[in-house]
Amino acid sequence: MRRGRKSARELTKAHALLLVNDGKTEMEVKDALRISRATVSNIKKRYREEGFRKRSRRETKIRSDQKVYESC
């Protein structure tokens, strides 16, 4: 497992949310990060609806050498 590595997409989303939190407009965020205004709007919308919940599109695979723990 790799730690401390984030995709450019995740970092852009986080940076956009920080700028919005600092009071920047969607236009200012778009210009600062070189993304579309629609992207900024979508990032804000997803954060309002889902928070920071990870949205993995891949199925989690468990290798045969990994231990599986059931919740108590």
PDB file of N, CA and C in Angstrom:
ATOM      1  N   MET A   1       0.842  -1.177   0.000  1.00  0.00           N
ATOM      2  CA  MET A   1       0.000   0.000   0.000  1.00  0.00           C
ATOM      3  C   MET A   1       0.886   1.238   0.000  1.00  0.00           C
ATOM      4  N   ARG A   2       0.587   2.158  -0.856  1.00  0.00           N
ATOM      5  CA  ARG A   2       1.339   3.409  -0.917  1.00  0.00           C
ATOM      6  C   ARG A   2       0.660   4.450  -0.048  1.00  0.00           C
ATOM      7  N   ARG A   3       1.459   5.198   0.644  1.00  0.00           N
ATOM      8  CA  ARG A   3       0.916   6.260   1.497  1.00  0.00           C
ATOM      9  C   ARG A   3       1.465   7.596   1.039  1.00  0.00           C
ATOM     10  N   GLY A   4       0.643   8.618   1.170  1.00  0.00           N
ATOM     11  CA  GLY A   4       1.114   9.954   0.855  1.00  0.00           C
ATOM     12  C   GLY A   4       1.052  10.320  -0.614  1.00  0.00           C
ATOM     13  N   ARG A   5       0.464   9.482  -1.432  1.00  0.00           N
ATOM     14  CA  ARG A   5       0.364   9.787  -2.856  1.00  0.00           C
ATOM     15  C   ARG A   5      -1.088  10.065  -3.205  1.00  0.00           C
ATOM     16  N   LYS A   6      -1.307  11.170  -3.843  1.00  0.00           N
ATOM     17  CA  LYS A   6      -2.649  11.543  -4.275  1.00  0.00           C
ATOM     18  C   LYS A   6      -2.596  11.849  -5.767  1.00  0.00           C
ATOM     19  N   SER A   7      -3.689  11.592  -6.446  1.00  0.00           N
ATOM     20  CA  SER A   7      -3.744  11.899  -7.865  1.00  0.00           C
ATOM     21  C   SER A   7      -3.861  13.408  -8.055  1.00  0.00           C
ATOM     22  N   ALA A   8      -3.485  13.863  -9.225  1.00  0.00           N
ATOM     23  CA  ALA A   8      -3.594  15.288  -9.541  1.00  0.00           C
ATOM     24  C   ALA A   8      -5.044  15.737  -9.438  1.00  0.00           C
ATOM     25  N   ARG A   9      -5.960  14.863  -9.807  1.00  0.00           N
ATOM     26  CA  ARG A   9      -7.389  15.195  -9.744  1.00  0.00           C
ATOM     27  C   ARG A   9      -7.824  15.440  -8.299  1.00  0.00           C
ATOM     28  N   GLU A  10      -7.392  14.572  -7.382  1.00  0.00           N
ATOM     29  CA  GLU A  10      -7.750  14.740  -5.969  1.00  0.00           C
ATOM     30  C   GLU A  10      -7.167  16.030  -5.405  1.00  0.00           C
ATOM     31  N   LEU A  11      -5.931  16.324  -5.777  1.00  0.00           N
ATOM     32  CA  LEU A  11      -5.288  17.543  -5.286  1.00  0.00           C
ATOM     33  C   LEU A  11      -5.976  18.791  -5.832  1.00  0.00           C
ATOM     34  N   THR A  12      -6.391  18.743  -7.094  1.00  0.00           N
ATOM     35  CA  THR A  12      -7.103  19.876  -7.682  1.00  0.00           C
ATOM     36  C   THR A  12      -8.423  20.113  -6.963  1.00  0.00           C
ATOM     37  N   LYS A  13      -9.143  19.033  -6.679  1.00  0.00           N
ATOM     38  CA  LYS A  13     -10.415  19.161  -5.954  1.00  0.00           C
ATOM     39  C   LYS A  13     -10.194  19.780  -4.580  1.00  0.00           C
ATOM     40  N   ALA A  14      -9.185  19.293  -3.875  1.00  0.00           N
ATOM     41  CA  ALA A  14      -8.901  19.816  -2.538  1.00  0.00           C
ATOM     42  C   ALA A  14      -8.513  21.291  -2.611  1.00  0.00           C
ATOM     43  N   HIS A  15      -7.675  21.632  -3.578  1.00  0.00           N
ATOM     44  CA  HIS A  15      -7.238  23.016  -3.722  1.00  0.00           C
ATOM     45  C   HIS A  15      -8.426  23.917  -4.058  1.00  0.00           C
ATOM     46  N   ALA A  16      -9.314  23.448  -4.929  1.00  0.00           N
ATOM     47  CA  ALA A  16     -10.503  24.227  -5.283  1.00  0.00           C
ATOM     48  C   ALA A  16     -11.361  24.489  -4.052  1.00  0.00           C
ATOM     49  N   LEU A  17     -11.562  23.463  -3.234  1.00  0.00           N
ATOM     50  CA  LEU A  17     -12.376  23.631  -2.028  1.00  0.00           C
ATOM     51  C   LEU A  17     -11.725  24.599  -1.044  1.00  0.00           C
ATOM     52  N   LEU A  18     -10.403  24.556  -0.936  1.00  0.00           N
ATOM     53  CA  LEU A  18      -9.707  25.500  -0.057  1.00  0.00           C
ATOM     54  C   LEU A  18      -9.885  26.938  -0.542  1.00  0.00           C
ATOM     55  N   LEU A  19      -9.776  27.136  -1.848  1.00  0.00           N
ATOM     56  CA  LEU A  19      -9.945  28.482  -2.395  1.00  0.00           C
ATOM     57  C   LEU A  19     -11.372  28.988  -2.195  1.00  0.00           C
ATOM     58  N   VAL A  20     -12.349  28.119  -2.413  1.00  0.00           N
ATOM     59  CA  VAL A  20     -13.751  28.497  -2.191  1.00  0.00           C
ATOM     60  C   VAL A  20     -13.963  28.849  -0.724  1.00  0.00           C
ATOM     61  N   ASN A  21     -13.377  28.062   0.157  1.00  0.00           N
ATOM     62  CA  ASN A  21     -13.494  28.316   1.595  1.00  0.00           C
ATOM     63  C   ASN A  21     -12.868  29.659   1.976  1.00  0.00           C
ATOM     64  N   ASP A  22     -11.838  30.058   1.245  1.00  0.00           N
ATOM     65  CA  ASP A  22     -11.188  31.349   1.499  1.00  0.00           C
ATOM     66  C   ASP A  22     -11.973  32.524   0.918  1.00  0.00           C
ATOM     67  N   GLY A  23     -13.127  32.228   0.306  1.00  0.00           N
ATOM     68  CA  GLY A  23     -13.979  33.296  -0.199  1.00  0.00           C
ATOM     69  C   GLY A  23     -13.804  33.619  -1.667  1.00  0.00           C
ATOM     70  N   LYS A  24     -13.035  32.821  -2.392  1.00  0.00           N
ATOM     71  CA  LYS A  24     -12.839  33.060  -3.822  1.00  0.00           C
ATOM     72  C   LYS A  24     -14.102  32.684  -4.591  1.00  0.00           C
ATOM     73  N   THR A  25     -14.356  33.395  -5.668  1.00  0.00           N
ATOM     74  CA  THR A  25     -15.504  33.079  -6.521  1.00  0.00           C
ATOM     75  C   THR A  25     -15.154  31.909  -7.432  1.00  0.00           C
ATOM     76  N   GLU A  26     -16.177  31.331  -8.057  1.00  0.00           N
ATOM     77  CA  GLU A  26     -15.937  30.234  -8.995  1.00  0.00           C
ATOM     78  C   GLU A  26     -15.017  30.685 -10.126  1.00  0.00           C
ATOM     79  N   MET A  27     -15.182  31.915 -10.593  1.00  0.00           N
ATOM     80  CA  MET A  27     -14.343  32.439 -11.676  1.00  0.00           C
ATOM     81  C   MET A  27     -12.884  32.573 -11.229  1.00  0.00           C
ATOM     82  N   GLU A  28     -12.666  33.025  -9.990  1.00  0.00           N
ATOM     83  CA  GLU A  28     -11.298  33.154  -9.478  1.00  0.00           C
ATOM     84  C   GLU A  28     -10.649  31.784  -9.312  1.00  0.00           C
ATOM     85  N   VAL A  29     -11.415  30.817  -8.835  1.00  0.00           N
ATOM     86  CA  VAL A  29     -10.892  29.459  -8.655  1.00  0.00           C
ATOM     87  C   VAL A  29     -10.560  28.854 -10.012  1.00  0.00           C
ATOM     88  N   LYS A  30     -11.447  29.016 -10.960  1.00  0.00           N
ATOM     89  CA  LYS A  30     -11.238  28.474 -12.312  1.00  0.00           C
ATOM     90  C   LYS A  30      -9.961  29.034 -12.928  1.00  0.00           C
ATOM     91  N   ASP A  31      -9.756  30.334 -12.789  1.00  0.00           N
ATOM     92  CA  ASP A  31      -8.562  30.966 -13.348  1.00  0.00           C
ATOM     93  C   ASP A  31      -7.293  30.520 -12.622  1.00  0.00           C
ATOM     94  N   ALA A  32      -7.370  30.394 -11.312  1.00  0.00           N
ATOM     95  CA  ALA A  32      -6.199  30.007 -10.523  1.00  0.00           C
ATOM     96  C   ALA A  32      -5.756  28.575 -10.817  1.00  0.00           C
ATOM     97  N   LEU A  33      -6.724  27.681 -11.016  1.00  0.00           N
ATOM     98  CA  LEU A  33      -6.404  26.263 -11.195  1.00  0.00           C
ATOM     99  C   LEU A  33      -6.461  25.809 -12.650  1.00  0.00           C
ATOM    100  N   ARG A  34      -6.856  26.718 -13.529  1.00  0.00           N
ATOM    101  CA  ARG A  34      -6.965  26.410 -14.963  1.00  0.00           C
ATOM    102  C   ARG A  34      -7.905  25.239 -15.232  1.00  0.00           C
ATOM    103  N   ILE A  35      -9.073  25.327 -14.619  1.00  0.00           N
ATOM    104  CA  ILE A  35     -10.138  24.355 -14.844  1.00  0.00           C
ATOM    105  C   ILE A  35     -11.388  25.131 -15.228  1.00  0.00           C
ATOM    106  N   SER A  36     -12.405  24.441 -15.700  1.00  0.00           N
ATOM    107  CA  SER A  36     -13.621  25.143 -16.117  1.00  0.00           C
ATOM    108  C   SER A  36     -14.470  25.543 -14.908  1.00  0.00           C
ATOM    109  N   ARG A  37     -15.326  26.539 -15.130  1.00  0.00           N
ATOM    110  CA  ARG A  37     -16.236  26.959 -14.069  1.00  0.00           C
ATOM    111  C   ARG A  37     -17.190  25.836 -13.721  1.00  0.00           C
ATOM    112  N   ALA A  38     -17.594  25.056 -14.718  1.00  0.00           N
ATOM    113  CA  ALA A  38     -18.485  23.920 -14.468  1.00  0.00           C
ATOM    114  C   ALA A  38     -17.814  22.894 -13.556  1.00  0.00           C
ATOM    115  N   THR A  39     -16.515  22.696 -13.725  1.00  0.00           N
ATOM    116  CA  THR A  39     -15.785  21.770 -12.859  1.00  0.00           C
ATOM    117  C   THR A  39     -15.790  22.267 -11.424  1.00  0.00           C
ATOM    118  N   VAL A  40     -15.558  23.552 -11.237  1.00  0.00           N
ATOM    119  CA  VAL A  40     -15.587  24.137  -9.890  1.00  0.00           C
ATOM    120  C   VAL A  40     -16.968  23.941  -9.282  1.00  0.00           C
ATOM    121  N   SER A  41     -17.995  24.205 -10.065  1.00  0.00           N
ATOM    122  CA  SER A  41     -19.367  24.044  -9.589  1.00  0.00           C
ATOM    123  C   SER A  41     -19.652  22.594  -9.203  1.00  0.00           C
ATOM    124  N   ASN A  42     -19.191  21.650 -10.024  1.00  0.00           N
ATOM    125  CA  ASN A  42     -19.397  20.227  -9.725  1.00  0.00           C
ATOM    126  C   ASN A  42     -18.654  19.793  -8.465  1.00  0.00           C
ATOM    127  N   ILE A  43     -17.443  20.294  -8.279  1.00  0.00           N
ATOM    128  CA  ILE A  43     -16.670  19.966  -7.078  1.00  0.00           C
ATOM    129  C   ILE A  43     -17.424  20.447  -5.837  1.00  0.00           C
ATOM    130  N   LYS A  44     -17.924  21.677  -5.888  1.00  0.00           N
ATOM    131  CA  LYS A  44     -18.678  22.227  -4.756  1.00  0.00           C
ATOM    132  C   LYS A  44     -19.943  21.418  -4.497  1.00  0.00           C
ATOM    133  N   LYS A  45     -20.655  21.073  -5.559  1.00  0.00           N
ATOM    134  CA  LYS A  45     -21.903  20.317  -5.427  1.00  0.00           C
ATOM    135  C   LYS A  45     -21.649  18.949  -4.803  1.00  0.00           C
ATOM    136  N   ARG A  46     -20.626  18.235  -5.295  1.00  0.00           N
ATOM    137  CA  ARG A  46     -20.330  16.905  -4.752  1.00  0.00           C
ATOM    138  C   ARG A  46     -19.913  16.989  -3.292  1.00  0.00           C
ATOM    139  N   TYR A  47     -19.150  18.029  -2.941  1.00  0.00           N
ATOM    140  CA  TYR A  47     -18.736  18.178  -1.551  1.00  0.00           C
ATOM    141  C   TYR A  47     -19.944  18.436  -0.653  1.00  0.00           C
ATOM    142  N   ARG A  48     -20.871  19.292  -1.108  1.00  0.00           N
ATOM    143  CA  ARG A  48     -22.084  19.561  -0.318  1.00  0.00           C
ATOM    144  C   ARG A  48     -22.901  18.289  -0.121  1.00  0.00           C
ATOM    145  N   GLU A  49     -22.999  17.475  -1.158  1.00  0.00           N
ATOM    146  CA  GLU A  49     -23.833  16.273  -1.101  1.00  0.00           C
ATOM    147  C   GLU A  49     -23.164  15.095  -0.404  1.00  0.00           C
ATOM    148  N   GLU A  50     -21.848  14.948  -0.586  1.00  0.00           N
ATOM    149  CA  GLU A  50     -21.170  13.737  -0.123  1.00  0.00           C
ATOM    150  C   GLU A  50     -20.053  13.975   0.879  1.00  0.00           C
ATOM    151  N   GLY A  51     -19.615  15.191   1.047  1.00  0.00           N
ATOM    152  CA  GLY A  51     -18.478  15.451   1.917  1.00  0.00           C
ATOM    153  C   GLY A  51     -17.205  14.891   1.304  1.00  0.00           C
ATOM    154  N   PHE A  52     -16.323  14.411   2.161  1.00  0.00           N
ATOM    155  CA  PHE A  52     -15.048  13.883   1.687  1.00  0.00           C
ATOM    156  C   PHE A  52     -15.070  12.381   1.474  1.00  0.00           C
ATOM    157  N   ARG A  53     -16.232  11.798   1.430  1.00  0.00           N
ATOM    158  CA  ARG A  53     -16.338  10.352   1.244  1.00  0.00           C
ATOM    159  C   ARG A  53     -15.640   9.949  -0.050  1.00  0.00           C
ATOM    160  N   LYS A  54     -14.810   8.939   0.040  1.00  0.00           N
ATOM    161  CA  LYS A  54     -14.094   8.459  -1.136  1.00  0.00           C
ATOM    162  C   LYS A  54     -15.086   7.864  -2.119  1.00  0.00           C
ATOM    163  N   ARG A  55     -14.931   8.221  -3.372  1.00  0.00           N
ATOM    164  CA  ARG A  55     -15.831   7.747  -4.409  1.00  0.00           C
ATOM    165  C   ARG A  55     -15.067   6.841  -5.360  1.00  0.00           C
ATOM    166  N   SER A  56     -14.733   5.674  -4.906  1.00  0.00           N
ATOM    167  CA  SER A  56     -13.986   4.752  -5.747  1.00  0.00           C
ATOM    168  C   SER A  56     -14.907   4.138  -6.787  1.00  0.00           C
ATOM    169  N   ARG A  57     -14.415   4.071  -7.989  1.00  0.00           N
ATOM    170  CA  ARG A  57     -15.182   3.441  -9.063  1.00  0.00           C
ATOM    171  C   ARG A  57     -14.709   2.011  -9.289  1.00  0.00           C
ATOM    172  N   ARG A  58     -13.680   1.627  -8.555  1.00  0.00           N
ATOM    173  CA  ARG A  58     -13.157   0.277  -8.710  1.00  0.00           C
ATOM    174  C   ARG A  58     -13.638  -0.602  -7.573  1.00  0.00           C
ATOM    175  N   GLU A  59     -13.786  -1.859  -7.887  1.00  0.00           N
ATOM    176  CA  GLU A  59     -14.166  -2.828  -6.877  1.00  0.00           C
ATOM    177  C   GLU A  59     -12.941  -3.138  -6.023  1.00  0.00           C
ATOM    178  N   THR A  60     -13.112  -3.235  -4.727  1.00  0.00           N
ATOM    179  CA  THR A  60     -12.008  -3.555  -3.842  1.00  0.00           C
ATOM    180  C   THR A  60     -11.683  -5.031  -3.962  1.00  0.00           C
ATOM    181  N   LYS A  61     -10.410  -5.310  -4.209  1.00  0.00           N
ATOM    182  CA  LYS A  61      -9.978  -6.698  -4.328  1.00  0.00           C
ATOM    183  C   LYS A  61      -9.111  -7.038  -3.125  1.00  0.00           C
ATOM    184  N   ILE A  62      -9.299  -8.213  -2.605  1.00  0.00           N
ATOM    185  CA  ILE A  62      -8.509  -8.672  -1.470  1.00  0.00           C
ATOM    186  C   ILE A  62      -7.612  -9.794  -1.963  1.00  0.00           C
ATOM    187  N   ARG A  63      -6.312  -9.594  -1.780  1.00  0.00           N
ATOM    188  CA  ARG A  63      -5.355 -10.626  -2.186  1.00  0.00           C
ATOM    189  C   ARG A  63      -5.432 -11.787  -1.216  1.00  0.00           C
ATOM    190  N   SER A  64      -4.998 -12.933  -1.659  1.00  0.00           N
ATOM    191  CA  SER A  64      -5.073 -14.125  -0.816  1.00  0.00           C
ATOM    192  C   SER A  64      -4.186 -14.015   0.420  1.00  0.00           C
ATOM    193  N   ASP A  65      -3.140 -13.165   0.373  1.00  0.00           N
ATOM    194  CA  ASP A  65      -2.251 -13.034   1.525  1.00  0.00           C
ATOM    195  C   ASP A  65      -2.705 -11.950   2.507  1.00  0.00           C
ATOM    196  N   GLN A  66      -3.797 -11.249   2.204  1.00  0.00           N
ATOM    197  CA  GLN A  66      -4.315 -10.225   3.108  1.00  0.00           C
ATOM    198  C   GLN A  66      -5.293 -10.844   4.096  1.00  0.00           C
ATOM    199  N   LYS A  67      -5.289 -10.318   5.303  1.00  0.00           N
ATOM    200  CA  LYS A  67      -6.231 -10.780   6.316  1.00  0.00           C
ATOM    201  C   LYS A  67      -7.520  -9.992   6.195  1.00  0.00           C
ATOM    202  N   VAL A  68      -8.607 -10.654   6.431  1.00  0.00           N
ATOM    203  CA  VAL A  68      -9.910 -10.005   6.392  1.00  0.00           C
ATOM    204  C   VAL A  68     -10.489 -10.045   7.795  1.00  0.00           C
ATOM    205  N   TYR A  69     -10.890  -8.875   8.300  1.00  0.00           N
ATOM    206  CA  TYR A  69     -11.455  -8.790   9.637  1.00  0.00           C
ATOM    207  C   TYR A  69     -12.932  -8.462   9.531  1.00  0.00           C
ATOM    208  N   GLU A  70     -13.725  -9.174  10.269  1.00  0.00           N
ATOM    209  CA  GLU A  70     -15.148  -8.877  10.310  1.00  0.00           C
ATOM    210  C   GLU A  70     -15.394  -7.881  11.430  1.00  0.00           C
ATOM    211  N   SER A  71     -16.352  -6.999  11.214  1.00  0.00           N
ATOM    212  CA  SER A  71     -16.651  -6.015  12.254  1.00  0.00           C
ATOM    213  C   SER A  71     -17.291  -6.708  13.447  1.00  0.00           C
ATOM    214  N   CYS A  72     -16.965  -6.226  14.623  1.00  0.00           N
ATOM    215  CA  CYS A  72     -17.461  -6.830  15.866  1.00  0.00           C
ATOM    216  C   CYS A  72     -18.800  -6.283  16.244  1.00  0.00           C
TER     217      CYS A  72
END
